[in-house]
Amino acid sequence: LLSPGYLSGCLYIYAALPGCYKSGILLQSHIDTCKYNEHIKNTTGGKKPISMYISMENTMSQTIRRLWSLLFPTADMSMFSVDEIKSMIENSLESNGFRSVILYYGYREKSTADLYEIIRGYNDDDHVVVALYLDYIKRIRSARTDAAATNSEKSELHAIMNELKTIASQFDIPVVSGH
């Protein structure tokens, strides 16, 4: 369906009703980016690639529980210490030379301008963000505050999508979200 995969510079939005696994698709895409894209390391100029998952929908503990169930579907999480869980997840996601960054922010706590700065902050001499998964589009604010961008939900979503597309283009990464 997505052959050849998420393309750099593009914005992808999964649209579905509540409870239809949009967050799961985004998290699975983050996992797949880390685990199955070893070839990307050849395009980063020696920098370690980062797949970034930002949730503004599910709490960090909900995200970790879902991440655990996707990575270790037959393992009972309660049988492991917090340190063991953290280590197992990191080892699984970072085994192919990727860095996994998972962040949580509250409802409308961040704007698209903040996303730009977050990505810029992770891009340094040793690392580069190669994909952004944002859960999800209605929980982020537009960087624009003018009436044309804020007078309705439709106009604000339009502004947000344009701003996310700009981020995808400026950083030459796929930006994937849900709605």
Protein backbone atom coordinates (compact mmCIF):
# COMPACT_ATOMS: atom_id res chain seq x y z
CA LEU A 1 0.00 0.00 0.00
CA LEU A 2 2.80 2.44 0.85
CA SER A 3 5.42 1.06 -1.54
CA PRO A 4 8.18 2.20 -1.56
CA GLY A 5 7.46 3.44 1.98
CA TYR A 6 7.19 6.89 3.51
CA LEU A 7 9.07 9.34 1.29
CA SER A 8 11.21 12.18 2.58
CA GLY A 9 9.67 15.61 2.27
CA CYS A 10 6.11 14.23 2.33
CA LEU A 11 3.26 14.55 4.81
CA TYR A 12 1.07 11.51 5.48
CA ILE A 13 -2.19 11.64 7.44
CA TYR A 14 -4.10 8.55 8.56
CA ALA A 15 -7.76 9.58 8.83
CA ALA A 16 -10.19 7.36 10.73
CA LEU A 17 -12.83 7.39 13.43
CA PRO A 18 -11.75 7.28 17.11
CA GLY A 19 -10.57 3.87 18.28
CA CYS A 20 -9.53 2.65 14.81
CA TYR A 21 -5.84 2.09 15.70
CA LYS A 22 -4.35 5.29 14.24
CA SER A 23 -1.99 5.57 17.23
CA GLY A 24 -1.06 1.92 16.77
CA ILE A 25 -0.24 2.45 13.09
CA LEU A 26 1.91 5.45 13.95
CA LEU A 27 3.77 3.56 16.67
CA GLN A 28 4.20 0.49 14.45
CA SER A 29 5.58 2.77 11.72
CA HIS A 30 8.08 4.20 14.21
CA ILE A 31 9.15 0.66 15.15
CA ASP A 32 9.44 -0.37 11.51
CA THR A 33 11.52 2.70 10.70
CA CYS A 34 14.00 1.74 13.43
CA LYS A 35 14.09 -1.97 12.63
CA TYR A 36 13.89 -2.22 8.85
CA ASN A 37 15.68 0.76 7.33
CA GLU A 38 19.35 0.02 7.82
CA HIS A 39 20.01 1.48 4.34
CA ILE A 40 19.14 4.97 5.63
CA LYS A 41 22.44 5.05 7.56
CA ASN A 42 24.18 5.33 4.17
CA THR A 43 22.41 8.63 3.47
CA THR A 44 23.06 10.50 6.74
CA GLY A 45 26.70 11.43 6.27
CA GLY A 46 27.86 9.29 9.18
CA LYS A 47 25.23 10.66 11.56
CA LYS A 48 23.08 8.25 13.57
CA PRO A 49 19.50 8.35 12.22
CA ILE A 50 16.68 9.17 14.64
CA SER A 51 13.09 8.06 14.29
CA MET A 52 10.99 10.40 16.44
CA TYR A 53 7.56 9.55 17.82
CA ILE A 54 5.71 12.37 19.57
CA SER A 55 2.46 11.60 21.36
CA MET A 56 0.06 14.28 22.40
CA GLU A 57 -2.75 11.72 22.55
CA ASN A 58 -1.64 8.80 24.73
CA THR A 59 0.37 9.24 27.92
CA MET A 60 3.94 7.99 28.07
CA SER A 61 2.91 4.96 30.14
CA GLN A 62 0.16 4.08 27.63
CA THR A 63 2.65 4.44 24.79
CA ILE A 64 5.23 2.24 26.54
CA ARG A 65 2.62 -0.45 27.24
CA ARG A 66 1.51 -0.42 23.60
CA LEU A 67 5.13 -0.39 22.44
CA TRP A 68 5.84 -3.39 24.67
CA SER A 69 2.88 -5.32 23.26
CA LEU A 70 4.05 -4.64 19.70
CA LEU A 71 7.68 -5.59 20.37
CA PHE A 72 7.13 -8.48 22.79
CA PRO A 73 3.58 -9.79 22.24
CA THR A 74 4.09 -12.98 24.27
CA ALA A 75 6.02 -11.48 27.20
CA ASP A 76 4.26 -10.40 30.40
CA MET A 77 5.49 -6.88 31.15
CA SER A 78 4.83 -7.33 34.88
CA MET A 79 7.58 -9.96 35.04
CA PHE A 80 10.28 -7.36 34.36
CA SER A 81 11.69 -4.39 36.26
CA VAL A 82 11.40 -0.87 34.84
CA ASP A 83 15.13 -0.92 34.02
CA GLU A 84 14.79 -4.27 32.23
CA ILE A 85 11.80 -3.02 30.24
CA LYS A 86 13.65 0.14 29.23
CA SER A 87 16.72 -1.85 28.22
CA MET A 88 14.73 -4.42 26.24
CA ILE A 89 12.82 -1.74 24.32
CA GLU A 90 15.97 0.27 23.60
CA ASN A 91 17.88 -2.83 22.46
CA SER A 92 15.05 -3.88 20.19
CA LEU A 93 14.56 -0.45 18.59
CA GLU A 94 18.20 0.52 18.37
CA SER A 95 19.68 -2.81 17.24
CA ASN A 96 20.06 -1.63 13.61
CA GLY A 97 21.92 1.58 14.37
CA PHE A 98 18.89 3.85 14.74
CA ARG A 99 18.07 5.99 17.74
CA SER A 100 14.48 5.91 18.92
CA VAL A 101 13.15 9.10 20.48
CA ILE A 102 9.71 8.95 22.08
CA LEU A 103 8.31 12.14 23.58
CA TYR A 104 5.03 13.08 25.24
CA TYR A 105 3.44 16.52 25.44
CA GLY A 106 0.01 17.48 26.72
CA TYR A 107 -2.99 18.54 24.66
CA ARG A 108 -2.08 21.61 22.55
CA GLU A 109 1.02 22.15 24.69
CA LYS A 110 3.17 22.46 21.55
CA SER A 111 2.81 24.19 18.21
CA THR A 112 4.24 23.27 14.84
CA ALA A 113 6.94 25.89 15.47
CA ASP A 114 7.87 23.95 18.62
CA LEU A 115 8.11 20.75 16.54
CA TYR A 116 10.54 22.50 14.23
CA GLU A 117 12.69 23.47 17.22
CA ILE A 118 12.49 19.98 18.75
CA ILE A 119 13.74 18.41 15.51
CA ARG A 120 16.43 21.07 15.14
CA GLY A 121 17.55 20.38 18.71
CA TYR A 122 18.04 16.66 18.00
CA ASN A 123 19.90 17.32 14.75
CA ASP A 124 23.54 17.76 15.73
CA ASP A 125 27.03 16.67 14.67
CA ASP A 126 26.27 13.03 15.54
CA HIS A 127 22.49 12.61 14.95
CA VAL A 128 19.85 13.47 12.38
CA VAL A 129 16.07 13.04 12.53
CA VAL A 130 14.97 10.96 9.53
CA ALA A 131 11.25 10.51 10.35
CA LEU A 132 8.63 12.15 12.55
CA TYR A 133 5.49 10.38 13.79
CA LEU A 134 3.02 12.76 15.45
CA ASP A 135 0.09 11.38 17.42
CA TYR A 136 -1.97 13.34 16.45
CA ILE A 137 -2.77 16.39 14.31
CA LYS A 138 -5.74 17.82 16.24
CA ARG A 139 -3.70 18.00 19.45
CA ILE A 140 -1.03 20.36 18.17
CA ARG A 141 -1.42 24.09 17.69
CA SER A 142 -0.68 25.99 14.52
CA ALA A 143 2.28 28.35 14.67
CA ARG A 144 -0.01 30.93 13.07
CA THR A 145 -2.19 32.97 15.39
CA ASP A 146 -3.91 35.19 12.82
CA ALA A 147 -7.70 35.08 12.42
CA ALA A 148 -7.49 33.37 9.02
CA ALA A 149 -5.77 30.37 10.64
CA THR A 150 -7.78 30.24 13.86
CA ASN A 151 -11.35 31.21 12.97
CA SER A 152 -12.50 27.58 12.56
CA GLU A 153 -11.29 24.05 13.18
CA LYS A 154 -11.09 23.49 9.42
CA SER A 155 -8.90 26.54 8.82
CA GLU A 156 -6.65 25.64 11.76
CA LEU A 157 -6.22 22.06 10.51
CA HIS A 158 -5.41 23.45 7.07
CA ALA A 159 -2.73 25.70 8.57
CA ILE A 160 -1.32 22.83 10.68
CA MET A 161 -1.10 20.52 7.68
CA ASN A 162 0.66 23.22 5.63
CA GLU A 163 3.11 23.79 8.48
CA LEU A 164 3.78 20.05 8.88
CA LYS A 165 4.36 19.79 5.13
CA THR A 166 6.86 22.65 5.43
CA ILE A 167 8.67 20.80 8.25
CA ALA A 168 8.78 17.66 6.09
CA SER A 169 10.25 19.67 3.21
CA GLN A 170 12.73 21.70 5.26
CA PHE A 171 14.17 18.68 7.06
CA ASP A 172 13.66 16.34 4.08
CA ILE A 173 11.86 13.76 6.24
CA PRO A 174 8.50 12.05 6.16
CA VAL A 175 6.03 13.47 8.67
CA VAL A 176 3.25 11.03 9.55
CA SER A 177 0.24 11.85 11.68
CA GLY A 178 -3.36 10.84 12.28
CA HIS A 179 -6.70 12.65 12.24
